[in-house]
């Protein structure tokens, strides 16, 4: 991609300094805090499931 700047004084010249290339975006890796929140959510869901199964098994 060539980048030019236009002002009242004129337009900038195209040179090697005005050329930019786009690459693939970096893949975001979750941080330790994000991983711990995901693990906490999974643990709470798992414990909730086990407790509900245990309670309904005792009622029947």
C-alpha atoms as a PDB file:
ATOM      1  CA  UNK A   1       0.000   0.000   0.000  1.00  0.00           C
ATOM      2  CA  UNK A   2       1.379   3.400  -0.928  1.00  0.00           C
ATOM      3  CA  UNK A   3       0.523   6.225   1.463  1.00  0.00           C
ATOM      4  CA  UNK A   4       0.400   9.825   0.253  1.00  0.00           C
ATOM      5  CA  UNK A   5      -0.377  12.968   2.219  1.00  0.00           C
ATOM      6  CA  UNK A   6      -2.156  15.900   0.601  1.00  0.00           C
ATOM      7  CA  UNK A   7      -1.971  19.389   2.136  1.00  0.00           C
ATOM      8  CA  UNK A   8      -2.344  22.937   0.873  1.00  0.00           C
ATOM      9  CA  UNK A   9       1.357  22.867  -0.009  1.00  0.00           C
ATOM     10  CA  UNK A  10       0.916  19.830  -2.269  1.00  0.00           C
ATOM     11  CA  UNK A  11       1.066  16.048  -2.250  1.00  0.00           C
ATOM     12  CA  UNK A  12       3.905  14.027  -0.778  1.00  0.00           C
ATOM     13  CA  UNK A  13       6.083  12.025  -3.132  1.00  0.00           C
ATOM     14  CA  UNK A  14       5.859   8.246  -3.209  1.00  0.00           C
ATOM     15  CA  UNK A  15       9.062   6.667  -1.923  1.00  0.00           C
ATOM     16  CA  UNK A  16      10.188   3.509  -0.155  1.00  0.00           C
ATOM     17  CA  UNK A  17       9.338   5.188   3.160  1.00  0.00           C
ATOM     18  CA  UNK A  18       5.668   5.504   2.154  1.00  0.00           C
ATOM     19  CA  UNK A  19       5.163   1.797   1.445  1.00  0.00           C
ATOM     20  CA  UNK A  20       3.454  -0.373   4.047  1.00  0.00           C
ATOM     21  CA  UNK A  21       2.530  -4.044   4.003  1.00  0.00           C
ATOM     22  CA  UNK A  22      -0.283  -5.702   5.890  1.00  0.00           C
ATOM     23  CA  UNK A  23       0.229  -9.086   7.452  1.00  0.00           C
ATOM     24  CA  UNK A  24      -1.970 -11.563   9.266  1.00  0.00           C
ATOM     25  CA  UNK A  25      -3.244 -10.426  12.631  1.00  0.00           C
ATOM     26  CA  UNK A  26      -1.662 -11.935  15.721  1.00  0.00           C
ATOM     27  CA  UNK A  27      -3.685 -14.566  17.552  1.00  0.00           C
ATOM     28  CA  UNK A  28      -4.757 -13.420  20.994  1.00  0.00           C
ATOM     29  CA  UNK A  29      -3.815 -15.865  23.737  1.00  0.00           C
ATOM     30  CA  UNK A  30      -5.817 -15.591  26.955  1.00  0.00           C
ATOM     31  CA  UNK A  31      -3.906 -14.255  29.935  1.00  0.00           C
ATOM     32  CA  UNK A  32      -3.576 -16.110  33.222  1.00  0.00           C
ATOM     33  CA  UNK A  33      -6.475 -14.115  34.680  1.00  0.00           C
ATOM     34  CA  UNK A  34      -8.724 -15.005  31.743  1.00  0.00           C
ATOM     35  CA  UNK A  35      -7.798 -18.684  31.983  1.00  0.00           C
ATOM     36  CA  UNK A  36      -8.552 -18.671  35.716  1.00  0.00           C
ATOM     37  CA  UNK A  37     -11.976 -17.074  35.140  1.00  0.00           C
ATOM     38  CA  UNK A  38     -12.796 -19.714  32.512  1.00  0.00           C
ATOM     39  CA  UNK A  39     -11.665 -22.475  34.882  1.00  0.00           C
ATOM     40  CA  UNK A  40     -13.741 -20.997  37.725  1.00  0.00           C
ATOM     41  CA  UNK A  41     -16.822 -20.879  35.507  1.00  0.00           C
ATOM     42  CA  UNK A  42     -16.345 -24.491  34.437  1.00  0.00           C
ATOM     43  CA  UNK A  43     -15.794 -25.623  38.034  1.00  0.00           C
ATOM     44  CA  UNK A  44     -18.918 -23.802  39.261  1.00  0.00           C
ATOM     45  CA  UNK A  45     -20.980 -25.273  36.432  1.00  0.00           C
ATOM     46  CA  UNK A  46     -19.628 -28.757  37.168  1.00  0.00           C
ATOM     47  CA  UNK A  47     -20.279 -28.497  40.907  1.00  0.00           C
ATOM     48  CA  UNK A  48     -23.783 -27.149  40.242  1.00  0.00           C
ATOM     49  CA  UNK A  49     -24.508 -30.068  37.938  1.00  0.00           C
ATOM     50  CA  UNK A  50     -23.257 -32.610  40.489  1.00  0.00           C
ATOM     51  CA  UNK A  51     -25.243 -31.013  43.337  1.00  0.00           C
ATOM     52  CA  UNK A  52     -28.456 -30.964  41.279  1.00  0.00           C
ATOM     53  CA  UNK A  53     -27.977 -34.605  40.282  1.00  0.00           C
ATOM     54  CA  UNK A  54     -27.337 -35.524  43.923  1.00  0.00           C
ATOM     55  CA  UNK A  55     -30.423 -33.647  45.213  1.00  0.00           C
ATOM     56  CA  UNK A  56     -32.806 -35.053  42.615  1.00  0.00           C
ATOM     57  CA  UNK A  57     -31.419 -38.563  43.124  1.00  0.00           C
ATOM     58  CA  UNK A  58     -32.284 -38.325  46.846  1.00  0.00           C
ATOM     59  CA  UNK A  59     -35.846 -37.046  46.196  1.00  0.00           C
ATOM     60  CA  UNK A  60     -36.892 -39.970  44.012  1.00  0.00           C
END
